[in-house]
Amino acid sequence: MLAEQAFVVIYAPVAQLQLESVPGVHTLHPAITECPECKGKGRVPMHHGLRDKECPRCGGRGSVNSLGR
């Protein structure tokens, strides 16, 4: 199943690996964390708690990356 999805398992010490970067592929991804404004719910209170709306910080996803998006 891993071979069908082009996964490769390498058994070697990290010091022996010679990795190359592929253009257009980001190797480091920012950490995705829970949104501090909605606390992961994706909704925030509106009009003194009578209704709620989509969180403006995370766009209703409930999570943000380290860049705040």
N, C-alpha and C. Protein backbone atom coordinates (compact mmCIF):
# COMPACT_ATOMS: atom_id res chain seq x y z
N MET A 1 0.82 -1.19 0.00
CA MET A 1 0.00 0.00 0.00
C MET A 1 0.88 1.26 0.00
N LEU A 2 1.97 1.24 0.74
CA LEU A 2 2.85 2.41 0.74
C LEU A 2 3.49 2.63 -0.62
N ALA A 3 3.83 1.55 -1.32
CA ALA A 3 4.44 1.68 -2.63
C ALA A 3 3.48 2.30 -3.64
N GLU A 4 2.19 2.04 -3.51
CA GLU A 4 1.20 2.61 -4.42
C GLU A 4 1.12 4.13 -4.27
N GLN A 5 1.42 4.65 -3.09
CA GLN A 5 1.34 6.08 -2.84
C GLN A 5 2.73 6.74 -2.88
N ALA A 6 3.73 6.04 -3.37
CA ALA A 6 5.09 6.54 -3.56
C ALA A 6 5.79 6.86 -2.24
N PHE A 7 5.52 6.10 -1.20
CA PHE A 7 6.25 6.25 0.05
C PHE A 7 7.51 5.41 0.00
N VAL A 8 8.56 5.91 0.64
CA VAL A 8 9.82 5.19 0.68
C VAL A 8 10.26 5.10 2.14
N VAL A 9 10.64 3.90 2.57
CA VAL A 9 11.14 3.70 3.93
C VAL A 9 12.65 3.56 3.85
N ILE A 10 13.38 4.37 4.61
CA ILE A 10 14.84 4.36 4.58
C ILE A 10 15.36 3.97 5.95
N TYR A 11 16.20 2.95 5.97
CA TYR A 11 16.85 2.52 7.21
C TYR A 11 18.31 2.94 7.15
N ALA A 12 18.63 4.11 7.68
CA ALA A 12 20.01 4.62 7.69
C ALA A 12 20.11 5.72 8.73
N PRO A 13 21.30 5.90 9.29
CA PRO A 13 21.50 7.03 10.20
C PRO A 13 21.33 8.35 9.45
N VAL A 14 20.82 9.34 10.13
CA VAL A 14 20.55 10.63 9.50
C VAL A 14 21.83 11.24 8.93
N ALA A 15 22.95 11.02 9.58
CA ALA A 15 24.22 11.59 9.11
C ALA A 15 24.62 11.06 7.73
N GLN A 16 24.15 9.86 7.37
CA GLN A 16 24.52 9.27 6.09
C GLN A 16 23.60 9.70 4.95
N LEU A 17 22.47 10.30 5.26
CA LEU A 17 21.52 10.67 4.21
C LEU A 17 21.99 11.91 3.48
N GLN A 18 21.83 11.91 2.18
CA GLN A 18 22.12 13.08 1.35
C GLN A 18 20.83 13.46 0.64
N LEU A 19 20.04 14.31 1.31
CA LEU A 19 18.74 14.69 0.77
C LEU A 19 18.87 15.88 -0.16
N GLU A 20 18.05 15.90 -1.18
CA GLU A 20 18.03 17.02 -2.10
C GLU A 20 16.64 17.65 -2.06
N SER A 21 16.58 18.94 -2.28
CA SER A 21 15.29 19.61 -2.25
C SER A 21 14.68 19.59 -3.65
N VAL A 22 13.37 19.55 -3.68
CA VAL A 22 12.63 19.53 -4.93
C VAL A 22 12.03 20.93 -5.13
N PRO A 23 12.26 21.56 -6.27
CA PRO A 23 11.71 22.91 -6.49
C PRO A 23 10.18 22.89 -6.40
N GLY A 24 9.63 23.88 -5.71
CA GLY A 24 8.19 24.00 -5.59
C GLY A 24 7.59 23.24 -4.43
N VAL A 25 8.41 22.47 -3.71
CA VAL A 25 7.92 21.71 -2.57
C VAL A 25 8.54 22.29 -1.31
N HIS A 26 7.71 22.66 -0.36
CA HIS A 26 8.20 23.21 0.90
C HIS A 26 8.57 22.06 1.82
N THR A 27 9.74 22.11 2.38
CA THR A 27 10.18 21.04 3.26
C THR A 27 9.79 21.29 4.71
N LEU A 28 9.70 22.55 5.12
CA LEU A 28 9.31 22.87 6.49
C LEU A 28 7.93 23.49 6.50
N HIS A 29 7.02 22.88 7.20
CA HIS A 29 5.66 23.40 7.30
C HIS A 29 5.47 24.06 8.65
N PRO A 30 4.80 25.21 8.69
CA PRO A 30 4.54 25.84 9.97
C PRO A 30 3.61 24.99 10.82
N ALA A 31 3.81 25.05 12.10
CA ALA A 31 2.99 24.26 13.00
C ALA A 31 1.56 24.77 13.00
N ILE A 32 0.63 23.85 12.94
CA ILE A 32 -0.79 24.20 12.99
C ILE A 32 -1.25 24.04 14.43
N THR A 33 -1.83 25.11 14.98
CA THR A 33 -2.27 25.09 16.37
C THR A 33 -3.72 25.50 16.47
N GLU A 34 -4.28 25.26 17.63
CA GLU A 34 -5.67 25.63 17.89
C GLU A 34 -5.79 27.15 17.89
N CYS A 35 -6.85 27.67 17.32
CA CYS A 35 -7.08 29.12 17.27
C CYS A 35 -7.31 29.64 18.68
N PRO A 36 -6.56 30.66 19.11
CA PRO A 36 -6.73 31.17 20.47
C PRO A 36 -8.01 31.98 20.65
N GLU A 37 -8.57 32.47 19.57
CA GLU A 37 -9.77 33.30 19.69
C GLU A 37 -11.03 32.45 19.89
N CYS A 38 -11.20 31.38 19.10
CA CYS A 38 -12.40 30.55 19.21
C CYS A 38 -12.13 29.25 19.97
N LYS A 39 -10.88 29.01 20.35
CA LYS A 39 -10.46 27.82 21.09
C LYS A 39 -10.80 26.52 20.35
N GLY A 40 -10.63 26.54 19.02
CA GLY A 40 -10.81 25.34 18.21
C GLY A 40 -12.23 25.05 17.77
N LYS A 41 -13.19 25.90 18.14
CA LYS A 41 -14.59 25.64 17.79
C LYS A 41 -14.96 26.20 16.41
N GLY A 42 -14.27 27.24 15.97
CA GLY A 42 -14.57 27.84 14.68
C GLY A 42 -15.67 28.89 14.75
N ARG A 43 -16.29 29.06 15.90
CA ARG A 43 -17.37 30.02 16.08
C ARG A 43 -17.07 30.91 17.29
N VAL A 44 -17.46 32.18 17.23
CA VAL A 44 -17.28 33.11 18.34
C VAL A 44 -18.63 33.78 18.64
N PRO A 45 -18.86 34.19 19.90
CA PRO A 45 -20.13 34.83 20.24
C PRO A 45 -20.29 36.19 19.57
N MET A 46 -21.54 36.54 19.31
CA MET A 46 -21.86 37.80 18.67
C MET A 46 -23.12 38.35 19.34
N HIS A 47 -23.26 39.64 19.45
CA HIS A 47 -24.44 40.29 20.04
C HIS A 47 -24.69 39.82 21.47
N HIS A 48 -23.69 39.88 22.31
CA HIS A 48 -23.80 39.55 23.73
C HIS A 48 -24.25 38.11 23.96
N GLY A 49 -23.85 37.19 23.09
CA GLY A 49 -24.13 35.78 23.29
C GLY A 49 -25.45 35.30 22.71
N LEU A 50 -26.21 36.17 22.07
CA LEU A 50 -27.48 35.74 21.50
C LEU A 50 -27.27 34.88 20.25
N ARG A 51 -26.23 35.18 19.50
CA ARG A 51 -25.92 34.42 18.29
C ARG A 51 -24.42 34.22 18.23
N ASP A 52 -23.98 33.36 17.34
CA ASP A 52 -22.54 33.23 17.14
C ASP A 52 -22.25 33.39 15.66
N LYS A 53 -20.99 33.65 15.36
CA LYS A 53 -20.57 33.86 13.97
C LYS A 53 -19.25 33.14 13.73
N GLU A 54 -18.87 33.07 12.47
CA GLU A 54 -17.60 32.45 12.09
C GLU A 54 -16.45 33.24 12.69
N CYS A 55 -15.46 32.54 13.19
CA CYS A 55 -14.30 33.18 13.81
C CYS A 55 -13.54 33.98 12.75
N PRO A 56 -13.30 35.28 12.99
CA PRO A 56 -12.60 36.08 11.99
C PRO A 56 -11.11 35.75 11.87
N ARG A 57 -10.52 35.18 12.91
CA ARG A 57 -9.09 34.88 12.88
C ARG A 57 -8.78 33.63 12.07
N CYS A 58 -9.55 32.56 12.29
CA CYS A 58 -9.25 31.30 11.60
C CYS A 58 -10.20 31.00 10.45
N GLY A 59 -11.22 31.83 10.26
CA GLY A 59 -12.15 31.62 9.15
C GLY A 59 -13.06 30.42 9.37
N GLY A 60 -13.31 30.03 10.61
CA GLY A 60 -14.18 28.91 10.91
C GLY A 60 -13.51 27.56 10.90
N ARG A 61 -12.19 27.50 10.67
CA ARG A 61 -11.48 26.22 10.65
C ARG A 61 -11.19 25.71 12.06
N GLY A 62 -11.00 26.61 13.01
CA GLY A 62 -10.68 26.21 14.37
C GLY A 62 -9.19 26.05 14.62
N SER A 63 -8.38 26.25 13.59
CA SER A 63 -6.93 26.12 13.76
C SER A 63 -6.22 27.17 12.93
N VAL A 64 -5.06 27.57 13.37
CA VAL A 64 -4.23 28.53 12.64
C VAL A 64 -2.80 28.00 12.61
N ASN A 65 -2.05 28.41 11.58
CA ASN A 65 -0.64 28.03 11.57
C ASN A 65 0.17 29.10 12.26
N SER A 66 1.45 28.94 12.34
CA SER A 66 2.29 29.87 13.08
C SER A 66 2.31 31.27 12.47
N LEU A 67 1.85 31.41 11.23
CA LEU A 67 1.80 32.70 10.58
C LEU A 67 0.51 33.45 10.89
N GLY A 68 -0.41 32.80 11.63
CA GLY A 68 -1.66 33.44 12.00
C GLY A 68 -2.76 33.30 10.98
N ARG A 69 -2.57 32.40 10.02
CA ARG A 69 -3.60 32.19 8.97
C ARG A 69 -4.37 30.93 9.21
